[in-house]
Amino acid sequence: MKIMNTLPLPKDVPYHSIIGDRGRGDAPNSSDGVVAYWCSHADGAKSEKIVPSSHGANQNPEGIAEVERILKQHIGSKG
């Protein structure tokens, strides 16, 4: 993520971040047990969702709901 934050990304390409926090709720000092929040955070993300989860945030119900929200938002913006 540190390197990604230094890469020039097209301004018209939105990106989002879903970050696991082992349920402690102490961002920015949180961790999913593998990656610390400060390494997971993406500068410029259109949204950032911290879910109470280990490194498998993509399998967490809140993480899944966030992916659905983002996809629905994207579909809605396409008209």
N, C-alpha and C. Protein backbone atom coordinates (compact mmCIF):
# COMPACT_ATOMS: atom_id res chain seq x y z
N MET A 1 0.83 -1.18 0.00
CA MET A 1 0.00 0.00 0.00
C MET A 1 0.87 1.25 0.00
N LYS A 2 1.99 1.20 0.68
CA LYS A 2 2.86 2.38 0.68
C LYS A 2 3.26 2.74 -0.74
N ILE A 3 3.62 1.74 -1.53
CA ILE A 3 4.02 2.00 -2.91
C ILE A 3 2.81 2.43 -3.72
N MET A 4 1.67 1.78 -3.50
CA MET A 4 0.46 2.15 -4.24
C MET A 4 0.11 3.61 -4.00
N ASN A 5 0.29 4.07 -2.77
CA ASN A 5 -0.02 5.46 -2.45
C ASN A 5 0.89 6.45 -3.16
N THR A 6 2.00 5.98 -3.72
CA THR A 6 2.90 6.88 -4.44
C THR A 6 2.67 6.84 -5.95
N LEU A 7 1.89 5.87 -6.43
CA LEU A 7 1.65 5.74 -7.87
C LEU A 7 0.58 6.72 -8.33
N PRO A 8 0.79 7.33 -9.49
CA PRO A 8 -0.26 8.22 -10.01
C PRO A 8 -1.40 7.38 -10.58
N LEU A 9 -2.57 7.53 -10.01
CA LEU A 9 -3.75 6.80 -10.49
C LEU A 9 -4.64 7.78 -11.24
N PRO A 10 -5.31 7.33 -12.28
CA PRO A 10 -6.22 8.22 -13.01
C PRO A 10 -7.29 8.76 -12.06
N LYS A 11 -7.54 10.04 -12.12
CA LYS A 11 -8.50 10.66 -11.21
C LYS A 11 -9.93 10.22 -11.49
N ASP A 12 -10.19 9.70 -12.69
CA ASP A 12 -11.54 9.28 -13.02
C ASP A 12 -11.81 7.81 -12.70
N VAL A 13 -10.88 7.15 -12.04
CA VAL A 13 -11.06 5.75 -11.64
C VAL A 13 -11.18 5.69 -10.12
N PRO A 14 -12.41 5.52 -9.61
CA PRO A 14 -12.59 5.48 -8.16
C PRO A 14 -12.11 4.15 -7.59
N TYR A 15 -11.63 4.20 -6.38
CA TYR A 15 -11.28 2.96 -5.67
C TYR A 15 -11.72 3.10 -4.23
N HIS A 16 -11.95 1.96 -3.62
CA HIS A 16 -12.49 1.89 -2.26
C HIS A 16 -11.61 0.97 -1.43
N SER A 17 -11.73 1.08 -0.13
CA SER A 17 -10.92 0.26 0.76
C SER A 17 -11.81 -0.37 1.83
N ILE A 18 -11.70 -1.67 1.98
CA ILE A 18 -12.40 -2.40 3.04
C ILE A 18 -11.31 -3.04 3.90
N ILE A 19 -11.26 -2.63 5.15
CA ILE A 19 -10.16 -3.01 6.03
C ILE A 19 -10.69 -3.79 7.23
N GLY A 20 -10.07 -4.91 7.51
CA GLY A 20 -10.43 -5.69 8.67
C GLY A 20 -9.79 -5.14 9.94
N ASP A 21 -10.56 -5.18 11.01
CA ASP A 21 -10.09 -4.80 12.34
C ASP A 21 -10.60 -5.89 13.27
N ARG A 22 -9.74 -6.56 13.95
CA ARG A 22 -10.13 -7.71 14.76
C ARG A 22 -11.17 -7.40 15.82
N GLY A 23 -12.00 -6.41 15.57
CA GLY A 23 -13.09 -6.09 16.47
C GLY A 23 -12.72 -5.16 17.60
N ARG A 24 -11.52 -4.63 17.57
CA ARG A 24 -11.08 -3.76 18.66
C ARG A 24 -11.54 -2.32 18.47
N GLY A 25 -11.76 -1.91 17.22
CA GLY A 25 -12.25 -0.56 16.96
C GLY A 25 -11.29 0.54 17.34
N ASP A 26 -10.00 0.29 17.25
CA ASP A 26 -9.03 1.30 17.67
C ASP A 26 -8.20 1.85 16.51
N ALA A 27 -8.81 1.98 15.32
CA ALA A 27 -8.08 2.58 14.19
C ALA A 27 -7.62 3.97 14.61
N PRO A 28 -6.48 4.43 14.25
CA PRO A 28 -5.55 3.91 13.26
C PRO A 28 -4.53 2.92 13.81
N ASN A 29 -4.71 2.45 15.02
CA ASN A 29 -3.76 1.49 15.59
C ASN A 29 -4.24 0.05 15.43
N SER A 30 -5.31 -0.14 14.70
CA SER A 30 -5.90 -1.48 14.56
C SER A 30 -5.12 -2.34 13.57
N SER A 31 -5.52 -3.59 13.53
CA SER A 31 -4.89 -4.55 12.63
C SER A 31 -5.88 -5.67 12.36
N ASP A 32 -5.75 -6.30 11.21
CA ASP A 32 -6.58 -7.47 10.93
C ASP A 32 -5.86 -8.75 11.36
N GLY A 33 -4.75 -8.59 12.04
CA GLY A 33 -3.96 -9.72 12.49
C GLY A 33 -2.81 -10.03 11.55
N VAL A 34 -2.86 -9.48 10.34
CA VAL A 34 -1.79 -9.67 9.36
C VAL A 34 -1.23 -8.32 8.93
N VAL A 35 -2.13 -7.38 8.64
CA VAL A 35 -1.73 -6.07 8.13
C VAL A 35 -2.26 -4.99 9.06
N ALA A 36 -1.40 -4.08 9.47
CA ALA A 36 -1.82 -2.97 10.32
C ALA A 36 -2.65 -1.98 9.50
N TYR A 37 -3.56 -1.27 10.19
CA TYR A 37 -4.41 -0.28 9.51
C TYR A 37 -3.58 0.69 8.69
N TRP A 38 -2.54 1.23 9.27
CA TRP A 38 -1.76 2.26 8.57
C TRP A 38 -1.10 1.74 7.31
N CYS A 39 -0.97 0.43 7.16
CA CYS A 39 -0.47 -0.16 5.91
C CYS A 39 -1.62 -0.46 4.95
N SER A 40 -2.83 -0.60 5.46
CA SER A 40 -3.99 -0.92 4.63
C SER A 40 -4.68 0.32 4.08
N HIS A 41 -4.54 1.43 4.78
CA HIS A 41 -5.21 2.67 4.39
C HIS A 41 -4.72 3.13 3.03
N ALA A 42 -5.64 3.50 2.15
CA ALA A 42 -5.29 3.98 0.81
C ALA A 42 -5.67 5.45 0.69
N ASP A 43 -4.68 6.31 0.58
CA ASP A 43 -4.95 7.73 0.38
C ASP A 43 -5.78 7.92 -0.88
N GLY A 44 -6.78 8.76 -0.81
CA GLY A 44 -7.58 9.06 -1.98
C GLY A 44 -8.72 8.10 -2.26
N ALA A 45 -8.89 7.09 -1.42
CA ALA A 45 -9.99 6.16 -1.64
C ALA A 45 -11.32 6.90 -1.55
N LYS A 46 -12.24 6.56 -2.42
CA LYS A 46 -13.55 7.19 -2.40
C LYS A 46 -14.29 6.87 -1.11
N SER A 47 -14.06 5.68 -0.58
CA SER A 47 -14.63 5.31 0.71
C SER A 47 -13.69 4.34 1.41
N GLU A 48 -13.81 4.32 2.70
CA GLU A 48 -13.05 3.37 3.51
C GLU A 48 -13.99 2.80 4.56
N LYS A 49 -14.08 1.50 4.61
CA LYS A 49 -14.94 0.82 5.58
C LYS A 49 -14.08 -0.09 6.43
N ILE A 50 -14.16 0.08 7.73
CA ILE A 50 -13.45 -0.80 8.65
C ILE A 50 -14.48 -1.77 9.21
N VAL A 51 -14.22 -3.06 9.02
CA VAL A 51 -15.16 -4.08 9.48
C VAL A 51 -14.51 -4.93 10.56
N PRO A 52 -15.31 -5.39 11.54
CA PRO A 52 -14.76 -6.23 12.61
C PRO A 52 -14.44 -7.62 12.06
N SER A 53 -13.20 -7.78 11.63
CA SER A 53 -12.82 -9.01 10.96
C SER A 53 -11.32 -9.21 11.03
N SER A 54 -10.93 -10.43 10.80
CA SER A 54 -9.51 -10.72 10.63
C SER A 54 -9.14 -10.38 9.19
N HIS A 55 -8.08 -10.97 8.69
CA HIS A 55 -7.58 -10.67 7.34
C HIS A 55 -8.57 -11.04 6.24
N GLY A 56 -9.57 -11.84 6.55
CA GLY A 56 -10.57 -12.24 5.56
C GLY A 56 -11.78 -11.31 5.53
N ALA A 57 -11.56 -10.01 5.55
CA ALA A 57 -12.66 -9.04 5.58
C ALA A 57 -13.61 -9.22 4.41
N ASN A 58 -13.11 -9.75 3.30
CA ASN A 58 -13.97 -9.97 2.13
C ASN A 58 -15.00 -11.08 2.37
N GLN A 59 -14.82 -11.87 3.43
CA GLN A 59 -15.76 -12.94 3.75
C GLN A 59 -16.65 -12.58 4.94
N ASN A 60 -16.43 -11.40 5.51
CA ASN A 60 -17.22 -10.92 6.64
C ASN A 60 -18.54 -10.34 6.11
N PRO A 61 -19.67 -10.58 6.79
CA PRO A 61 -20.95 -10.05 6.31
C PRO A 61 -20.93 -8.53 6.08
N GLU A 62 -20.26 -7.78 6.95
CA GLU A 62 -20.18 -6.33 6.75
C GLU A 62 -19.31 -5.99 5.55
N GLY A 63 -18.26 -6.75 5.34
CA GLY A 63 -17.40 -6.55 4.17
C GLY A 63 -18.15 -6.85 2.89
N ILE A 64 -18.92 -7.93 2.89
CA ILE A 64 -19.73 -8.30 1.73
C ILE A 64 -20.78 -7.22 1.45
N ALA A 65 -21.42 -6.74 2.50
CA ALA A 65 -22.43 -5.68 2.34
C ALA A 65 -21.80 -4.42 1.76
N GLU A 66 -20.58 -4.12 2.15
CA GLU A 66 -19.90 -2.94 1.63
C GLU A 66 -19.58 -3.10 0.15
N VAL A 67 -19.16 -4.28 -0.26
CA VAL A 67 -18.92 -4.53 -1.69
C VAL A 67 -20.22 -4.35 -2.46
N GLU A 68 -21.32 -4.88 -1.93
CA GLU A 68 -22.62 -4.72 -2.59
C GLU A 68 -23.00 -3.25 -2.69
N ARG A 69 -22.78 -2.49 -1.62
CA ARG A 69 -23.10 -1.06 -1.63
C ARG A 69 -22.31 -0.33 -2.71
N ILE A 70 -21.02 -0.63 -2.80
CA ILE A 70 -20.16 0.01 -3.79
C ILE A 70 -20.62 -0.34 -5.21
N LEU A 71 -20.92 -1.62 -5.44
CA LEU A 71 -21.37 -2.04 -6.77
C LEU A 71 -22.69 -1.38 -7.16
N LYS A 72 -23.63 -1.33 -6.22
CA LYS A 72 -24.92 -0.67 -6.50
C LYS A 72 -24.73 0.81 -6.77
N GLN A 73 -23.84 1.44 -6.02
CA GLN A 73 -23.55 2.86 -6.23
C GLN A 73 -22.96 3.06 -7.63
N HIS A 74 -22.06 2.20 -8.02
CA HIS A 74 -21.42 2.30 -9.33
C HIS A 74 -22.45 2.09 -10.45
N ILE A 75 -23.31 1.09 -10.28
CA ILE A 75 -24.35 0.83 -11.29
C ILE A 75 -25.26 2.04 -11.41
N GLY A 76 -25.63 2.61 -10.27
CA GLY A 76 -26.51 3.78 -10.26
C GLY A 76 -25.89 4.99 -10.93
N SER A 77 -24.59 5.12 -10.84
CA SER A 77 -23.92 6.29 -11.43
C SER A 77 -23.76 6.15 -12.94
N LYS A 78 -23.98 4.95 -13.46
CA LYS A 78 -23.83 4.72 -14.91
C LYS A 78 -25.13 4.98 -15.67
N GLY A 79 -26.19 5.30 -14.91
CA GLY A 79 -27.37 5.76 -15.55
C GLY A 79 -28.45 4.84 -15.82
